PDB file of N, CA and C in Angstrom:
ATOM      1  N   UNK A   1      47.271  44.191 -37.408  1.00  0.00           N
ATOM      2  CA  UNK A   1      47.145  42.970 -38.206  1.00  0.00           C
ATOM      3  C   UNK A   1      47.317  43.100 -39.509  1.00  0.00           C
ATOM      4  N   UNK A   2      48.194  42.494 -40.254  1.00  0.00           N
ATOM      5  CA  UNK A   2      48.183  42.587 -41.625  1.00  0.00           C
ATOM      6  C   UNK A   2      48.108  41.361 -42.373  1.00  0.00           C
ATOM      7  N   UNK A   3      47.295  41.466 -43.595  1.00  0.00           N
ATOM      8  CA  UNK A   3      46.920  40.239 -44.279  1.00  0.00           C
ATOM      9  C   UNK A   3      47.809  40.334 -45.586  1.00  0.00           C
ATOM     10  N   UNK A   4      48.131  39.126 -46.093  1.00  0.00           N
ATOM     11  CA  UNK A   4      48.783  38.792 -47.388  1.00  0.00           C
ATOM     12  C   UNK A   4      47.973  39.170 -48.749  1.00  0.00           C
ATOM     13  N   UNK A   5      46.670  38.818 -48.487  1.00  0.00           N
ATOM     14  CA  UNK A   5      45.838  39.064 -49.762  1.00  0.00           C
ATOM     15  C   UNK A   5      44.372  39.366 -49.050  1.00  0.00           C
ATOM     16  N   UNK A   6      43.459  39.675 -50.049  1.00  0.00           N
ATOM     17  CA  UNK A   6      41.848  39.974 -49.616  1.00  0.00           C
ATOM     18  C   UNK A   6      41.400  38.709 -49.161  1.00  0.00           C
ATOM     19  N   UNK A   7      41.913  37.644 -49.881  1.00  0.00           N
ATOM     20  CA  UNK A   7      41.052  36.031 -49.231  1.00  0.00           C
ATOM     21  C   UNK A   7      41.535  35.787 -47.787  1.00  0.00           C
ATOM     22  N   UNK A   8      42.866  36.208 -47.704  1.00  0.00           N
ATOM     23  CA  UNK A   8      43.378  35.945 -46.218  1.00  0.00           C
ATOM     24  C   UNK A   8      42.496  36.730 -45.167  1.00  0.00           C
ATOM     25  N   UNK A   9      42.468  38.123 -45.749  1.00  0.00           N
ATOM     26  CA  UNK A   9      41.465  39.053 -44.759  1.00  0.00           C
ATOM     27  C   UNK A   9      40.248  38.109 -44.476  1.00  0.00           C
ATOM     28  N   UNK A  10      39.377  38.089 -45.596  1.00  0.00           N
ATOM     29  CA  UNK A  10      38.082  37.467 -45.482  1.00  0.00           C
ATOM     30  C   UNK A  10      38.174  35.957 -44.856  1.00  0.00           C
ATOM     31  N   UNK A  11      39.315  35.333 -44.844  1.00  0.00           N
ATOM     32  CA  UNK A  11      39.310  34.174 -44.062  1.00  0.00           C
ATOM     33  C   UNK A  11      39.470  34.387 -42.423  1.00  0.00           C
ATOM     34  N   UNK A  12      40.164  35.385 -42.253  1.00  0.00           N
ATOM     35  CA  UNK A  12      40.232  35.642 -40.703  1.00  0.00           C
ATOM     36  C   UNK A  12      40.928  34.943 -39.968  1.00  0.00           C
ATOM     37  N   UNK A  13      42.021  34.349 -40.611  1.00  0.00           N
ATOM     38  CA  UNK A  13      42.760  33.248 -39.802  1.00  0.00           C
ATOM     39  C   UNK A  13      42.117  31.842 -39.532  1.00  0.00           C
ATOM     40  N   UNK A  14      41.195  31.494 -40.330  1.00  0.00           N
ATOM     41  CA  UNK A  14      40.459  30.442 -39.733  1.00  0.00           C
ATOM     42  C   UNK A  14      39.053  30.534 -38.989  1.00  0.00           C
ATOM     43  N   UNK A  15      39.063  32.134 -38.733  1.00  0.00           N
ATOM     44  CA  UNK A  15      37.657  32.196 -37.826  1.00  0.00           C
ATOM     45  C   UNK A  15      36.722  32.971 -38.587  1.00  0.00           C
ATOM     46  N   UNK A  16      36.719  33.028 -39.851  1.00  0.00           N
ATOM     47  CA  UNK A  16      35.785  33.661 -40.447  1.00  0.00           C
ATOM     48  C   UNK A  16      34.452  33.457 -40.378  1.00  0.00           C
ATOM     49  N   UNK A  17      33.892  32.219 -40.149  1.00  0.00           N
ATOM     50  CA  UNK A  17      32.578  32.134 -39.856  1.00  0.00           C
ATOM     51  C   UNK A  17      32.144  32.894 -38.655  1.00  0.00           C
ATOM     52  N   UNK A  18      32.821  32.879 -37.481  1.00  0.00           N
ATOM     53  CA  UNK A  18      32.492  33.561 -36.294  1.00  0.00           C
ATOM     54  C   UNK A  18      32.536  35.087 -36.396  1.00  0.00           C
ATOM     55  N   UNK A  19      33.967  35.509 -37.138  1.00  0.00           N
ATOM     56  CA  UNK A  19      33.821  37.070 -37.393  1.00  0.00           C
ATOM     57  C   UNK A  19      32.783  37.481 -38.064  1.00  0.00           C
ATOM     58  N   UNK A  20      32.510  37.013 -39.107  1.00  0.00           N
ATOM     59  CA  UNK A  20      31.631  37.364 -40.401  1.00  0.00           C
ATOM     60  C   UNK A  20      30.098  37.381 -39.732  1.00  0.00           C
ATOM     61  N   UNK A  21      29.865  36.309 -38.939  1.00  0.00           N
ATOM     62  CA  UNK A  21      28.526  36.022 -38.578  1.00  0.00           C
ATOM     63  C   UNK A  21      28.221  37.131 -37.376  1.00  0.00           C
ATOM     64  N   UNK A  22      29.119  37.241 -36.486  1.00  0.00           N
ATOM     65  CA  UNK A  22      28.958  38.129 -35.440  1.00  0.00           C
ATOM     66  C   UNK A  22      28.646  39.672 -35.923  1.00  0.00           C
ATOM     67  N   UNK A  23      29.548  39.835 -37.177  1.00  0.00           N
ATOM     68  CA  UNK A  23      29.524  41.306 -37.763  1.00  0.00           C
ATOM     69  C   UNK A  23      28.089  41.432 -38.509  1.00  0.00           C
ATOM     70  N   UNK A  24      27.592  40.379 -39.227  1.00  0.00           N
ATOM     71  CA  UNK A  24      26.516  40.539 -39.956  1.00  0.00           C
ATOM     72  C   UNK A  24      25.297  40.530 -39.022  1.00  0.00           C
ATOM     73  N   UNK A  25      25.337  39.569 -37.775  1.00  0.00           N
ATOM     74  CA  UNK A  25      24.180  39.624 -36.742  1.00  0.00           C
ATOM     75  C   UNK A  25      24.187  41.067 -36.182  1.00  0.00           C
ATOM     76  N   UNK A  26      25.302  41.701 -35.887  1.00  0.00           N
ATOM     77  CA  UNK A  26      25.271  43.046 -35.246  1.00  0.00           C
ATOM     78  C   UNK A  26      24.629  44.000 -36.004  1.00  0.00           C
ATOM     79  N   UNK A  27      25.080  44.173 -37.496  1.00  0.00           N
ATOM     80  CA  UNK A  27      24.529  44.867 -38.553  1.00  0.00           C
ATOM     81  C   UNK A  27      23.002  44.870 -38.451  1.00  0.00           C
ATOM     82  N   UNK A  28      22.617  43.454 -38.632  1.00  0.00           N
ATOM     83  CA  UNK A  28      21.042  43.187 -38.676  1.00  0.00           C
ATOM     84  C   UNK A  28      20.364  43.844 -37.697  1.00  0.00           C
ATOM     85  N   UNK A  29      20.884  43.597 -36.366  1.00  0.00           N
ATOM     86  CA  UNK A  29      20.435  44.130 -35.150  1.00  0.00           C
ATOM     87  C   UNK A  29      20.122  45.707 -35.183  1.00  0.00           C
ATOM     88  N   UNK A  30      21.108  46.221 -35.528  1.00  0.00           N
ATOM     89  CA  UNK A  30      21.157  47.670 -35.690  1.00  0.00           C
ATOM     90  C   UNK A  30      20.088  48.365 -36.729  1.00  0.00           C
ATOM     91  N   UNK A  31      19.922  47.541 -37.874  1.00  0.00           N
ATOM     92  CA  UNK A  31      19.087  48.107 -38.924  1.00  0.00           C
ATOM     93  C   UNK A  31      17.632  47.655 -38.382  1.00  0.00           C
ATOM     94  N   UNK A  32      17.235  46.919 -37.610  1.00  0.00           N
ATOM     95  CA  UNK A  32      16.157  46.461 -37.013  1.00  0.00           C
ATOM     96  C   UNK A  32      15.882  47.184 -35.903  1.00  0.00           C
ATOM     97  N   UNK A  33      16.637  47.687 -35.123  1.00  0.00           N
ATOM     98  CA  UNK A  33      16.467  48.826 -34.176  1.00  0.00           C
ATOM     99  C   UNK A  33      16.095  50.093 -34.939  1.00  0.00           C
ATOM    100  N   UNK A  34      16.824  50.413 -35.829  1.00  0.00           N
ATOM    101  CA  UNK A  34      16.177  51.737 -36.401  1.00  0.00           C
ATOM    102  C   UNK A  34      14.663  51.588 -37.156  1.00  0.00           C
ATOM    103  N   UNK A  35      14.485  50.369 -37.685  1.00  0.00           N
ATOM    104  CA  UNK A  35      13.134  50.248 -38.153  1.00  0.00           C
ATOM    105  C   UNK A  35      12.061  50.150 -37.087  1.00  0.00           C
ATOM    106  N   UNK A  36      12.480  49.708 -35.805  1.00  0.00           N
ATOM    107  CA  UNK A  36      11.545  49.709 -34.653  1.00  0.00           C
ATOM    108  C   UNK A  36      11.248  51.045 -34.054  1.00  0.00           C
ATOM    109  N   UNK A  37      12.393  51.798 -34.062  1.00  0.00           N
ATOM    110  CA  UNK A  37      12.385  53.229 -33.543  1.00  0.00           C
ATOM    111  C   UNK A  37      11.504  53.978 -34.543  1.00  0.00           C
ATOM    112  N   UNK A  38      11.428  53.743 -35.640  1.00  0.00           N
ATOM    113  CA  UNK A  38      10.656  54.405 -36.649  1.00  0.00           C
ATOM    114  C   UNK A  38       9.192  53.969 -36.743  1.00  0.00           C
ATOM    115  N   UNK A  39       8.888  52.731 -36.459  1.00  0.00           N
ATOM    116  CA  UNK A  39       7.468  52.261 -36.182  1.00  0.00           C
ATOM    117  C   UNK A  39       7.040  52.942 -34.878  1.00  0.00           C
ATOM    118  N   UNK A  40       7.638  52.971 -33.822  1.00  0.00           N
ATOM    119  CA  UNK A  40       7.223  53.573 -32.442  1.00  0.00           C
ATOM    120  C   UNK A  40       6.930  54.868 -32.521  1.00  0.00           C
ATOM    121  N   UNK A  41       7.914  55.535 -33.164  1.00  0.00           N
ATOM    122  CA  UNK A  41       7.785  56.996 -33.446  1.00  0.00           C
ATOM    123  C   UNK A  41       6.322  57.291 -34.282  1.00  0.00           C
ATOM    124  N   UNK A  42       6.217  56.639 -35.128  1.00  0.00           N
ATOM    125  CA  UNK A  42       4.892  56.950 -35.992  1.00  0.00           C
ATOM    126  C   UNK A  42       3.682  56.679 -35.103  1.00  0.00           C
ATOM    127  N   UNK A  43       3.594  55.459 -34.506  1.00  0.00           N
ATOM    128  CA  UNK A  43       2.574  55.130 -33.482  1.00  0.00           C
ATOM    129  C   UNK A  43       2.430  56.071 -32.578  1.00  0.00           C
ATOM    130  N   UNK A  44       3.427  56.648 -31.932  1.00  0.00           N
ATOM    131  CA  UNK A  44       3.244  57.668 -30.796  1.00  0.00           C
ATOM    132  C   UNK A  44       2.860  58.912 -31.466  1.00  0.00           C
ATOM    133  N   UNK A  45       3.102  59.371 -32.697  1.00  0.00           N
ATOM    134  CA  UNK A  45       2.486  60.463 -33.224  1.00  0.00           C
ATOM    135  C   UNK A  45       1.072  60.571 -33.528  1.00  0.00           C
ATOM    136  N   UNK A  46       0.857  59.196 -34.051  1.00  0.00           N
ATOM    137  CA  UNK A  46      -0.686  58.938 -34.303  1.00  0.00           C
ATOM    138  C   UNK A  46      -1.335  59.138 -33.182  1.00  0.00           C
ATOM    139  N   UNK A  47      -1.043  58.452 -32.053  1.00  0.00           N
ATOM    140  CA  UNK A  47      -1.677  58.525 -30.659  1.00  0.00           C
ATOM    141  C   UNK A  47      -1.901  59.964 -30.155  1.00  0.00           C
ATOM    142  N   UNK A  48      -0.710  60.868 -30.425  1.00  0.00           N
ATOM    143  CA  UNK A  48      -0.787  62.127 -30.056  1.00  0.00           C
ATOM    144  C   UNK A  48      -1.835  62.833 -30.865  1.00  0.00           C
ATOM    145  N   UNK A  49      -1.935  62.738 -32.153  1.00  0.00           N
ATOM    146  CA  UNK A  49      -2.913  63.552 -33.024  1.00  0.00           C
ATOM    147  C   UNK A  49      -4.052  63.027 -32.346  1.00  0.00           C
ATOM    148  N   UNK A  50      -4.647  61.638 -32.161  1.00  0.00           N
ATOM    149  CA  UNK A  50      -5.788  61.153 -31.980  1.00  0.00           C
ATOM    150  C   UNK A  50      -6.163  61.817 -30.590  1.00  0.00           C
ATOM    151  N   UNK A  51      -5.157  61.814 -29.506  1.00  0.00           N
ATOM    152  CA  UNK A  51      -5.644  62.383 -28.198  1.00  0.00           C
ATOM    153  C   UNK A  51      -5.811  64.117 -28.316  1.00  0.00           C
ATOM    154  N   UNK A  52      -5.133  64.421 -29.115  1.00  0.00           N
ATOM    155  CA  UNK A  52      -5.193  66.146 -29.497  1.00  0.00           C
ATOM    156  C   UNK A  52      -6.523  66.479 -30.026  1.00  0.00           C
ATOM    157  N   UNK A  53      -7.270  65.380 -30.915  1.00  0.00           N
ATOM    158  CA  UNK A  53      -8.703  65.744 -31.316  1.00  0.00           C
ATOM    159  C   UNK A  53      -9.518  66.107 -30.190  1.00  0.00           C
ATOM    160  N   UNK A  54      -9.468  65.182 -29.154  1.00  0.00           N
ATOM    161  CA  UNK A  54     -10.493  65.109 -28.010  1.00  0.00           C
ATOM    162  C   UNK A  54     -10.713  66.440 -27.545  1.00  0.00           C
TER     163      UNK A  54
END
């Protein structure tokens, strides 16, 4: 698909809200998943160290 200008690209043929909302929501979920994984990893490492002390 080719667009005549950048504004036409961002408008997405009248479906801009749906396209950019879904794109943004997907990006947000991916960032959230990375943050959650880092927190779970830190907690797992903390518990492993705690159990190793006993």
